[in-house]
PDB file of N, CA and C in Angstrom:
ATOM      1  N   MET A   1       0.831  -1.198   0.000  1.00  0.00           N
ATOM      2  CA  MET A   1       0.000   0.000   0.000  1.00  0.00           C
ATOM      3  C   MET A   1       0.873   1.258   0.000  1.00  0.00           C
ATOM      4  N   GLU A   2       1.937   1.212   0.781  1.00  0.00           N
ATOM      5  CA  GLU A   2       2.854   2.359   0.857  1.00  0.00           C
ATOM      6  C   GLU A   2       3.523   2.615  -0.492  1.00  0.00           C
ATOM      7  N   ALA A   3       3.843   1.540  -1.210  1.00  0.00           N
ATOM      8  CA  ALA A   3       4.477   1.680  -2.525  1.00  0.00           C
ATOM      9  C   ALA A   3       3.532   2.350  -3.522  1.00  0.00           C
ATOM     10  N   VAL A   4       2.256   2.011  -3.435  1.00  0.00           N
ATOM     11  CA  VAL A   4       1.251   2.606  -4.322  1.00  0.00           C
ATOM     12  C   VAL A   4       1.148   4.111  -4.064  1.00  0.00           C
ATOM     13  N   LYS A   5       1.123   4.474  -2.797  1.00  0.00           N
ATOM     14  CA  LYS A   5       1.047   5.891  -2.420  1.00  0.00           C
ATOM     15  C   LYS A   5       2.289   6.644  -2.890  1.00  0.00           C
ATOM     16  N   ALA A   6       3.454   6.035  -2.709  1.00  0.00           N
ATOM     17  CA  ALA A   6       4.711   6.664  -3.127  1.00  0.00           C
ATOM     18  C   ALA A   6       4.721   6.877  -4.639  1.00  0.00           C
ATOM     19  N   GLU A   7       4.248   5.893  -5.376  1.00  0.00           N
ATOM     20  CA  GLU A   7       4.197   6.009  -6.836  1.00  0.00           C
ATOM     21  C   GLU A   7       3.228   7.122  -7.251  1.00  0.00           C
ATOM     22  N   ALA A   8       2.087   7.211  -6.589  1.00  0.00           N
ATOM     23  CA  ALA A   8       1.104   8.264  -6.893  1.00  0.00           C
ATOM     24  C   ALA A   8       1.684   9.644  -6.584  1.00  0.00           C
ATOM     25  N   ASP A   9       2.398   9.751  -5.477  1.00  0.00           N
ATOM     26  CA  ASP A   9       3.037  11.025  -5.123  1.00  0.00           C
ATOM     27  C   ASP A   9       4.076  11.410  -6.171  1.00  0.00           C
ATOM     28  N   ARG A  10       4.855  10.435  -6.613  1.00  0.00           N
ATOM     29  CA  ARG A  10       5.889  10.677  -7.617  1.00  0.00           C
ATOM     30  C   ARG A  10       5.259  11.132  -8.938  1.00  0.00           C
ATOM     31  N   TYR A  11       4.186  10.466  -9.333  1.00  0.00           N
ATOM     32  CA  TYR A  11       3.506  10.839 -10.575  1.00  0.00           C
ATOM     33  C   TYR A  11       2.949  12.261 -10.481  1.00  0.00           C
ATOM     34  N   ALA A  12       2.318  12.569  -9.349  1.00  0.00           N
ATOM     35  CA  ALA A  12       1.755  13.912  -9.131  1.00  0.00           C
ATOM     36  C   ALA A  12       2.851  14.968  -9.223  1.00  0.00           C
ATOM     37  N   ALA A  13       4.004  14.685  -8.627  1.00  0.00           N
ATOM     38  CA  ALA A  13       5.115  15.640  -8.656  1.00  0.00           C
ATOM     39  C   ALA A  13       5.610  15.871 -10.085  1.00  0.00           C
ATOM     40  N   ASN A  14       5.546  14.851 -10.923  1.00  0.00           N
ATOM     41  CA  ASN A  14       5.982  14.993 -12.312  1.00  0.00           C
ATOM     42  C   ASN A  14       4.973  15.751 -13.163  1.00  0.00           C
ATOM     43  N   VAL A  15       3.699  15.585 -12.876  1.00  0.00           N
ATOM     44  CA  VAL A  15       2.647  16.217 -13.690  1.00  0.00           C
ATOM     45  C   VAL A  15       2.373  17.650 -13.242  1.00  0.00           C
ATOM     46  N   LEU A  16       2.628  17.948 -11.992  1.00  0.00           N
ATOM     47  CA  LEU A  16       2.320  19.279 -11.453  1.00  0.00           C
ATOM     48  C   LEU A  16       2.936  20.432 -12.252  1.00  0.00           C
ATOM     49  N   PRO A  17       4.226  20.357 -12.632  1.00  0.00           N
ATOM     50  CA  PRO A  17       4.772  21.477 -13.418  1.00  0.00           C
ATOM     51  C   PRO A  17       4.050  21.679 -14.746  1.00  0.00           C
ATOM     52  N   ILE A  18       3.565  20.605 -15.352  1.00  0.00           N
ATOM     53  CA  ILE A  18       2.835  20.707 -16.617  1.00  0.00           C
ATOM     54  C   ILE A  18       1.484  21.384 -16.371  1.00  0.00           C
ATOM     55  N   ILE A  19       0.856  21.059 -15.245  1.00  0.00           N
ATOM     56  CA  ILE A  19      -0.408  21.706 -14.876  1.00  0.00           C
ATOM     57  C   ILE A  19      -0.179  23.196 -14.657  1.00  0.00           C
ATOM     58  N   ARG A  20       0.889  23.540 -13.956  1.00  0.00           N
ATOM     59  CA  ARG A  20       1.206  24.961 -13.699  1.00  0.00           C
ATOM     60  C   ARG A  20       1.447  25.702 -15.011  1.00  0.00           C
ATOM     61  N   GLU A  21       2.107  25.040 -15.945  1.00  0.00           N
ATOM     62  CA  GLU A  21       2.349  25.623 -17.266  1.00  0.00           C
ATOM     63  C   GLU A  21       1.037  25.901 -17.986  1.00  0.00           C
ATOM     64  N   ALA A  22       0.126  24.938 -17.932  1.00  0.00           N
ATOM     65  CA  ALA A  22      -1.186  25.106 -18.568  1.00  0.00           C
ATOM     66  C   ALA A  22      -1.935  26.273 -17.934  1.00  0.00           C
ATOM     67  N   GLN A  23      -1.806  26.419 -16.617  1.00  0.00           N
ATOM     68  CA  GLN A  23      -2.465  27.526 -15.924  1.00  0.00           C
ATOM     69  C   GLN A  23      -1.879  28.869 -16.377  1.00  0.00           C
ATOM     70  N   LYS A  24      -0.561  28.923 -16.520  1.00  0.00           N
ATOM     71  CA  LYS A  24       0.082  30.152 -16.991  1.00  0.00           C
ATOM     72  C   LYS A  24      -0.364  30.486 -18.408  1.00  0.00           C
ATOM     73  N   ALA A  25      -0.629  29.444 -19.200  1.00  0.00           N
ATOM     74  CA  ALA A  25      -1.053  29.632 -20.592  1.00  0.00           C
ATOM     75  C   ALA A  25      -2.531  30.001 -20.689  1.00  0.00           C
ATOM     76  N   GLY A  26      -3.227  30.077 -19.547  1.00  0.00           N
ATOM     77  CA  GLY A  26      -4.605  30.544 -19.574  1.00  0.00           C
ATOM     78  C   GLY A  26      -5.671  29.552 -19.158  1.00  0.00           C
ATOM     79  N   ALA A  27      -5.281  28.301 -18.856  1.00  0.00           N
ATOM     80  CA  ALA A  27      -6.267  27.313 -18.402  1.00  0.00           C
ATOM     81  C   ALA A  27      -6.705  27.691 -16.987  1.00  0.00           C
ATOM     82  N   ARG A  28      -7.972  28.001 -16.813  1.00  0.00           N
ATOM     83  CA  ARG A  28      -8.475  28.471 -15.513  1.00  0.00           C
ATOM     84  C   ARG A  28      -9.229  27.393 -14.743  1.00  0.00           C
ATOM     85  N   THR A  29     -10.026  26.620 -15.447  1.00  0.00           N
ATOM     86  CA  THR A  29     -10.849  25.623 -14.755  1.00  0.00           C
ATOM     87  C   THR A  29     -10.165  24.255 -14.785  1.00  0.00           C
ATOM     88  N   LEU A  30     -10.628  23.356 -13.932  1.00  0.00           N
ATOM     89  CA  LEU A  30     -10.096  21.993 -13.936  1.00  0.00           C
ATOM     90  C   LEU A  30     -10.307  21.347 -15.301  1.00  0.00           C
ATOM     91  N   ARG A  31     -11.449  21.634 -15.908  1.00  0.00           N
ATOM     92  CA  ARG A  31     -11.743  21.067 -17.232  1.00  0.00           C
ATOM     93  C   ARG A  31     -10.768  21.592 -18.282  1.00  0.00           C
ATOM     94  N   GLU A  32     -10.464  22.888 -18.231  1.00  0.00           N
ATOM     95  CA  GLU A  32      -9.509  23.465 -19.192  1.00  0.00           C
ATOM     96  C   GLU A  32      -8.113  22.873 -19.006  1.00  0.00           C
ATOM     97  N   ILE A  33      -7.735  22.645 -17.758  1.00  0.00           N
ATOM     98  CA  ILE A  33      -6.435  22.026 -17.488  1.00  0.00           C
ATOM     99  C   ILE A  33      -6.420  20.601 -18.044  1.00  0.00           C
ATOM    100  N   ALA A  34      -7.501  19.866 -17.819  1.00  0.00           N
ATOM    101  CA  ALA A  34      -7.605  18.491 -18.334  1.00  0.00           C
ATOM    102  C   ALA A  34      -7.491  18.492 -19.859  1.00  0.00           C
ATOM    103  N   GLU A  35      -8.172  19.429 -20.514  1.00  0.00           N
ATOM    104  CA  GLU A  35      -8.113  19.513 -21.978  1.00  0.00           C
ATOM    105  C   GLU A  35      -6.696  19.814 -22.446  1.00  0.00           C
ATOM    106  N   ALA A  36      -5.989  20.683 -21.711  1.00  0.00           N
ATOM    107  CA  ALA A  36      -4.608  21.015 -22.072  1.00  0.00           C
ATOM    108  C   ALA A  36      -3.705  19.791 -21.947  1.00  0.00           C
ATOM    109  N   LEU A  37      -3.872  19.020 -20.878  1.00  0.00           N
ATOM    110  CA  LEU A  37      -3.060  17.807 -20.693  1.00  0.00           C
ATOM    111  C   LEU A  37      -3.353  16.799 -21.798  1.00  0.00           C
ATOM    112  N   ASN A  38      -4.631  16.623 -22.117  1.00  0.00           N
ATOM    113  CA  ASN A  38      -4.998  15.684 -23.182  1.00  0.00           C
ATOM    114  C   ASN A  38      -4.438  16.141 -24.529  1.00  0.00           C
ATOM    115  N   ALA A  39      -4.494  17.456 -24.793  1.00  0.00           N
ATOM    116  CA  ALA A  39      -3.994  17.999 -26.059  1.00  0.00           C
ATOM    117  C   ALA A  39      -2.486  17.776 -26.199  1.00  0.00           C
ATOM    118  N   ARG A  40      -1.773  17.780 -25.078  1.00  0.00           N
ATOM    119  CA  ARG A  40      -0.321  17.560 -25.103  1.00  0.00           C
ATOM    120  C   ARG A  40       0.031  16.079 -25.154  1.00  0.00           C
ATOM    121  N   GLY A  41      -0.973  15.225 -25.064  1.00  0.00           N
ATOM    122  CA  GLY A  41      -0.710  13.790 -25.110  1.00  0.00           C
ATOM    123  C   GLY A  41      -0.155  13.235 -23.808  1.00  0.00           C
ATOM    124  N   ILE A  42      -0.376  13.956 -22.696  1.00  0.00           N
ATOM    125  CA  ILE A  42       0.066  13.481 -21.383  1.00  0.00           C
ATOM    126  C   ILE A  42      -0.992  12.499 -20.874  1.00  0.00           C
ATOM    127  N   ALA A  43      -0.576  11.290 -20.582  1.00  0.00           N
ATOM    128  CA  ALA A  43      -1.522  10.287 -20.080  1.00  0.00           C
ATOM    129  C   ALA A  43      -1.611  10.372 -18.560  1.00  0.00           C
ATOM    130  N   THR A  44      -2.732   9.937 -18.028  1.00  0.00           N
ATOM    131  CA  THR A  44      -2.856   9.826 -16.569  1.00  0.00           C
ATOM    132  C   THR A  44      -1.945   8.693 -16.099  1.00  0.00           C
ATOM    133  N   ALA A  45      -1.841   8.529 -14.803  1.00  0.00           N
ATOM    134  CA  ALA A  45      -0.983   7.478 -14.244  1.00  0.00           C
ATOM    135  C   ALA A  45      -1.368   6.099 -14.774  1.00  0.00           C
ATOM    136  N   ARG A  46      -2.644   5.921 -15.069  1.00  0.00           N
ATOM    137  CA  ARG A  46      -3.113   4.621 -15.590  1.00  0.00           C
ATOM    138  C   ARG A  46      -3.205   4.610 -17.114  1.00  0.00           C
ATOM    139  N   GLY A  47      -2.694   5.661 -17.730  1.00  0.00           N
ATOM    140  CA  GLY A  47      -2.643   5.691 -19.194  1.00  0.00           C
ATOM    141  C   GLY A  47      -3.909   6.187 -19.861  1.00  0.00           C
ATOM    142  N   GLY A  48      -4.802   6.778 -19.085  1.00  0.00           N
ATOM    143  CA  GLY A  48      -6.075   7.214 -19.647  1.00  0.00           C
ATOM    144  C   GLY A  48      -6.137   8.698 -19.930  1.00  0.00           C
ATOM    145  N   GLN A  49      -7.351   9.165 -20.179  1.00  0.00           N
ATOM    146  CA  GLN A  49      -7.620  10.563 -20.465  1.00  0.00           C
ATOM    147  C   GLN A  49      -7.784  11.345 -19.173  1.00  0.00           C
ATOM    148  N   TRP A  50      -7.510  12.646 -19.256  1.00  0.00           N
ATOM    149  CA  TRP A  50      -7.696  13.532 -18.109  1.00  0.00           C
ATOM    150  C   TRP A  50      -9.116  14.056 -18.066  1.00  0.00           C
ATOM    151  N   TYR A  51      -9.634  14.163 -16.864  1.00  0.00           N
ATOM    152  CA  TYR A  51     -10.939  14.780 -16.605  1.00  0.00           C
ATOM    153  C   TYR A  51     -10.734  15.768 -15.470  1.00  0.00           C
ATOM    154  N   ALA A  52     -11.720  16.623 -15.249  1.00  0.00           N
ATOM    155  CA  ALA A  52     -11.624  17.622 -14.187  1.00  0.00           C
ATOM    156  C   ALA A  52     -11.278  16.957 -12.857  1.00  0.00           C
ATOM    157  N   GLN A  53     -11.915  15.846 -12.537  1.00  0.00           N
ATOM    158  CA  GLN A  53     -11.671  15.187 -11.251  1.00  0.00           C
ATOM    159  C   GLN A  53     -10.255  14.641 -11.149  1.00  0.00           C
ATOM    160  N   SER A  54      -9.704  14.118 -12.238  1.00  0.00           N
ATOM    161  CA  SER A  54      -8.337  13.599 -12.159  1.00  0.00           C
ATOM    162  C   SER A  54      -7.346  14.735 -11.926  1.00  0.00           C
ATOM    163  N   VAL A  55      -7.608  15.916 -12.509  1.00  0.00           N
ATOM    164  CA  VAL A  55      -6.760  17.092 -12.247  1.00  0.00           C
ATOM    165  C   VAL A  55      -6.909  17.499 -10.783  1.00  0.00           C
ATOM    166  N   ALA A  56      -8.141  17.522 -10.281  1.00  0.00           N
ATOM    167  CA  ALA A  56      -8.385  17.878  -8.886  1.00  0.00           C
ATOM    168  C   ALA A  56      -7.632  16.938  -7.948  1.00  0.00           C
ATOM    169  N   ASN A  57      -7.617  15.652  -8.275  1.00  0.00           N
ATOM    170  CA  ASN A  57      -6.918  14.675  -7.443  1.00  0.00           C
ATOM    171  C   ASN A  57      -5.422  14.966  -7.372  1.00  0.00           C
ATOM    172  N   ILE A  58      -4.837  15.325  -8.514  1.00  0.00           N
ATOM    173  CA  ILE A  58      -3.401  15.645  -8.551  1.00  0.00           C
ATOM    174  C   ILE A  58      -3.127  16.897  -7.727  1.00  0.00           C
ATOM    175  N   LEU A  59      -3.960  17.918  -7.895  1.00  0.00           N
ATOM    176  CA  LEU A  59      -3.749  19.158  -7.162  1.00  0.00           C
ATOM    177  C   LEU A  59      -3.910  18.948  -5.656  1.00  0.00           C
ATOM    178  N   GLU A  60      -4.832  18.082  -5.289  1.00  0.00           N
ATOM    179  CA  GLU A  60      -5.061  17.768  -3.873  1.00  0.00           C
ATOM    180  C   GLU A  60      -3.848  17.041  -3.289  1.00  0.00           C
ATOM    181  N   ARG A  61      -3.237  16.191  -4.089  1.00  0.00           N
ATOM    182  CA  ARG A  61      -2.099  15.398  -3.640  1.00  0.00           C
ATOM    183  C   ARG A  61      -0.847  16.268  -3.516  1.00  0.00           C
ATOM    184  N   ALA A  62      -0.779  17.326  -4.306  1.00  0.00           N
ATOM    185  CA  ALA A  62       0.430  18.180  -4.351  1.00  0.00           C
ATOM    186  C   ALA A  62       0.614  18.975  -3.066  1.00  0.00           C
TER     187      ALA A  62
END
């Protein structure tokens, strides 16, 4: 369980700068951030698409 949490923390730390970049580029809402990540071809930790909630989860973890 601890390994799973550590991996999630590591993934969040890697994606956070990309989220901050999207915010600087004008993405204001969680949905806009998700669209920016999807447009850049950044996959979620499980290889899927980004949604507002998945962005919220990363920001909460950060």
